[in-house]
Amino acid sequence: MNHLGDGNFFIILSSSNLNIVQKKLGDKIHFELNEDPNPLGVDMPEILDVLIEQDKELKAIFDNLTLGKKRNIIHQIIKIKDIDKQIQKSIKLIKESTQPGPKKSL
């Protein structure tokens, strides 16, 4: 088992969040962390879900993407209100996700 650091971790709370839990600076707060049941951390848009279920090629590509790349595609799709544009953008983003990105120079 790997351990990071000395086992001390910090969660930063804003003043408004401290007020919500009725605590002040310096108070101890006990909490429990639970694994998010949705590994993506965002809901899959229905349009994208239907699209990849109907197109086996897109599904294969999407299923092999990292969670971060999937989230990026989802975030870009949910910003679009027009359904036809959501479909077009979804196809474009999924297909482009397999293309290597531009090389960065140092």
C-alpha atoms as a PDB file:
ATOM      1  CA  MET A   1       0.000   0.000   0.000  1.00  0.00           C
ATOM      2  CA  ASN A   2       1.353   3.410  -0.958  1.00  0.00           C
ATOM      3  CA  HIS A   3       1.041   6.326   1.440  1.00  0.00           C
ATOM      4  CA  LEU A   4       1.245   9.926   0.396  1.00  0.00           C
ATOM      5  CA  GLY A   5       3.002  12.375   2.677  1.00  0.00           C
ATOM      6  CA  ASP A   6       2.599  12.086   6.414  1.00  0.00           C
ATOM      7  CA  GLY A   7      -1.115  11.202   6.350  1.00  0.00           C
ATOM      8  CA  ASN A   8      -2.291  14.764   7.019  1.00  0.00           C
ATOM      9  CA  PHE A   9      -4.675  16.199   4.504  1.00  0.00           C
ATOM     10  CA  PHE A  10      -6.475  19.506   4.395  1.00  0.00           C
ATOM     11  CA  ILE A  11      -9.816  20.530   2.978  1.00  0.00           C
ATOM     12  CA  ILE A  12     -10.198  24.247   2.460  1.00  0.00           C
ATOM     13  CA  LEU A  13     -13.565  25.730   3.373  1.00  0.00           C
ATOM     14  CA  SER A  14     -14.674  29.226   2.469  1.00  0.00           C
ATOM     15  CA  SER A  15     -16.125  31.539   5.109  1.00  0.00           C
ATOM     16  CA  SER A  16     -19.610  30.985   3.695  1.00  0.00           C
ATOM     17  CA  ASN A  17     -19.210  27.197   4.004  1.00  0.00           C
ATOM     18  CA  LEU A  18     -17.951  27.589   7.583  1.00  0.00           C
ATOM     19  CA  ASN A  19     -21.075  29.616   8.343  1.00  0.00           C
ATOM     20  CA  ILE A  20     -23.292  26.909   6.822  1.00  0.00           C
ATOM     21  CA  VAL A  21     -21.825  24.269   9.164  1.00  0.00           C
ATOM     22  CA  GLN A  22     -21.837  26.781  12.033  1.00  0.00           C
ATOM     23  CA  LYS A  23     -18.074  26.645  12.582  1.00  0.00           C
ATOM     24  CA  LYS A  24     -15.418  29.295  12.860  1.00  0.00           C
ATOM     25  CA  LEU A  25     -11.743  29.413  11.960  1.00  0.00           C
ATOM     26  CA  GLY A  26      -9.802  26.976  14.147  1.00  0.00           C
ATOM     27  CA  ASP A  27     -12.761  24.696  14.973  1.00  0.00           C
ATOM     28  CA  LYS A  28     -12.355  21.000  14.276  1.00  0.00           C
ATOM     29  CA  ILE A  29     -14.678  19.460  11.751  1.00  0.00           C
ATOM     30  CA  HIS A  30     -15.201  15.726  11.417  1.00  0.00           C
ATOM     31  CA  PHE A  31     -16.208  14.416   8.019  1.00  0.00           C
ATOM     32  CA  GLU A  32     -16.510  11.224   6.034  1.00  0.00           C
ATOM     33  CA  LEU A  33     -15.418  10.782   2.437  1.00  0.00           C
ATOM     34  CA  ASN A  34     -17.350   8.410   0.214  1.00  0.00           C
ATOM     35  CA  GLU A  35     -16.554   7.275  -3.283  1.00  0.00           C
ATOM     36  CA  ASP A  36     -18.749   8.930  -5.894  1.00  0.00           C
ATOM     37  CA  PRO A  37     -20.954   6.177  -7.386  1.00  0.00           C
ATOM     38  CA  ASN A  38     -20.631   7.913 -10.763  1.00  0.00           C
ATOM     39  CA  PRO A  39     -16.961   7.654 -11.808  1.00  0.00           C
ATOM     40  CA  LEU A  40     -17.474  10.429 -14.369  1.00  0.00           C
ATOM     41  CA  GLY A  41     -18.682  12.827 -11.696  1.00  0.00           C
ATOM     42  CA  VAL A  42     -21.180  14.309 -14.177  1.00  0.00           C
ATOM     43  CA  ASP A  43     -24.415  13.027 -15.665  1.00  0.00           C
ATOM     44  CA  MET A  44     -24.239  11.707 -19.197  1.00  0.00           C
ATOM     45  CA  PRO A  45     -26.414  13.852 -21.490  1.00  0.00           C
ATOM     46  CA  GLU A  46     -29.247  11.776 -22.932  1.00  0.00           C
ATOM     47  CA  ILE A  47     -28.323  12.835 -26.483  1.00  0.00           C
ATOM     48  CA  LEU A  48     -24.749  11.557 -26.057  1.00  0.00           C
ATOM     49  CA  ASP A  49     -25.912   8.344 -24.401  1.00  0.00           C
ATOM     50  CA  VAL A  50     -28.336   7.555 -27.239  1.00  0.00           C
ATOM     51  CA  LEU A  51     -25.766   8.502 -29.879  1.00  0.00           C
ATOM     52  CA  ILE A  52     -23.044   6.169 -28.619  1.00  0.00           C
ATOM     53  CA  GLU A  53     -25.537   3.341 -28.115  1.00  0.00           C
ATOM     54  CA  GLN A  54     -26.608   3.650 -31.762  1.00  0.00           C
ATOM     55  CA  ASP A  55     -23.133   4.030 -33.267  1.00  0.00           C
ATOM     56  CA  LYS A  56     -20.816   1.138 -32.378  1.00  0.00           C
ATOM     57  CA  GLU A  57     -17.728   2.919 -33.740  1.00  0.00           C
ATOM     58  CA  LEU A  58     -18.343   5.998 -31.577  1.00  0.00           C
ATOM     59  CA  LYS A  59     -19.144   3.786 -28.585  1.00  0.00           C
ATOM     60  CA  ALA A  60     -15.862   1.905 -28.953  1.00  0.00           C
ATOM     61  CA  ILE A  61     -13.903   5.154 -29.138  1.00  0.00           C
ATOM     62  CA  PHE A  62     -15.802   6.766 -26.241  1.00  0.00           C
ATOM     63  CA  ASP A  63     -15.482   3.682 -24.013  1.00  0.00           C
ATOM     64  CA  ASN A  64     -11.689   3.745 -24.451  1.00  0.00           C
ATOM     65  CA  LEU A  65     -11.296   7.407 -23.495  1.00  0.00           C
ATOM     66  CA  THR A  66      -9.999   8.421 -20.086  1.00  0.00           C
ATOM     67  CA  LEU A  67     -12.563   9.700 -17.587  1.00  0.00           C
ATOM     68  CA  GLY A  68     -11.107  13.185 -18.007  1.00  0.00           C
ATOM     69  CA  LYS A  69     -11.593  13.167 -21.776  1.00  0.00           C
ATOM     70  CA  LYS A  70     -15.146  11.854 -21.356  1.00  0.00           C
ATOM     71  CA  ARG A  71     -15.922  14.632 -18.857  1.00  0.00           C
ATOM     72  CA  ASN A  72     -14.456  17.220 -21.229  1.00  0.00           C
ATOM     73  CA  ILE A  73     -16.717  16.054 -24.057  1.00  0.00           C
ATOM     74  CA  ILE A  74     -19.762  16.022 -21.757  1.00  0.00           C
ATOM     75  CA  HIS A  75     -19.062  19.542 -20.473  1.00  0.00           C
ATOM     76  CA  GLN A  76     -18.743  20.846 -24.026  1.00  0.00           C
ATOM     77  CA  ILE A  77     -21.974  19.124 -25.122  1.00  0.00           C
ATOM     78  CA  ILE A  78     -24.163  20.338 -22.242  1.00  0.00           C
ATOM     79  CA  LYS A  79     -23.340  23.959 -23.100  1.00  0.00           C
ATOM     80  CA  ILE A  80     -25.079  23.538 -26.472  1.00  0.00           C
ATOM     81  CA  LYS A  81     -28.870  23.957 -26.448  1.00  0.00           C
ATOM     82  CA  ASP A  82     -29.682  22.857 -30.025  1.00  0.00           C
ATOM     83  CA  ILE A  83     -30.045  19.050 -30.247  1.00  0.00           C
ATOM     84  CA  ASP A  84     -28.761  18.796 -33.837  1.00  0.00           C
ATOM     85  CA  LYS A  85     -25.681  20.814 -32.893  1.00  0.00           C
ATOM     86  CA  GLN A  86     -25.169  18.601 -29.817  1.00  0.00           C
ATOM     87  CA  ILE A  87     -25.148  15.526 -32.054  1.00  0.00           C
ATOM     88  CA  GLN A  88     -22.750  17.070 -34.584  1.00  0.00           C
ATOM     89  CA  LYS A  89     -20.405  18.320 -31.857  1.00  0.00           C
ATOM     90  CA  SER A  90     -20.498  14.965 -30.040  1.00  0.00           C
ATOM     91  CA  ILE A  91     -19.482  13.082 -33.180  1.00  0.00           C
ATOM     92  CA  LYS A  92     -16.734  15.604 -33.942  1.00  0.00           C
ATOM     93  CA  LEU A  93     -15.326  15.603 -30.389  1.00  0.00           C
ATOM     94  CA  ILE A  94     -15.335  11.823 -30.051  1.00  0.00           C
ATOM     95  CA  LYS A  95     -13.649  11.281 -33.422  1.00  0.00           C
ATOM     96  CA  GLU A  96     -11.102  14.046 -32.753  1.00  0.00           C
ATOM     97  CA  SER A  97     -10.282  12.541 -29.354  1.00  0.00           C
ATOM     98  CA  THR A  98      -8.284   9.811 -31.070  1.00  0.00           C
ATOM     99  CA  GLN A  99      -6.133  12.305 -32.967  1.00  0.00           C
ATOM    100  CA  PRO A 100      -2.835  13.279 -31.396  1.00  0.00           C
ATOM    101  CA  GLY A 101      -2.793  16.813 -30.046  1.00  0.00           C
ATOM    102  CA  PRO A 102      -0.400  19.484 -31.238  1.00  0.00           C
ATOM    103  CA  LYS A 103       3.154  19.106 -29.982  1.00  0.00           C
ATOM    104  CA  LYS A 104       4.134  21.595 -27.356  1.00  0.00           C
ATOM    105  CA  SER A 105       7.534  23.187 -27.539  1.00  0.00           C
ATOM    106  CA  LEU A 106       9.424  24.081 -24.396  1.00  0.00           C
END
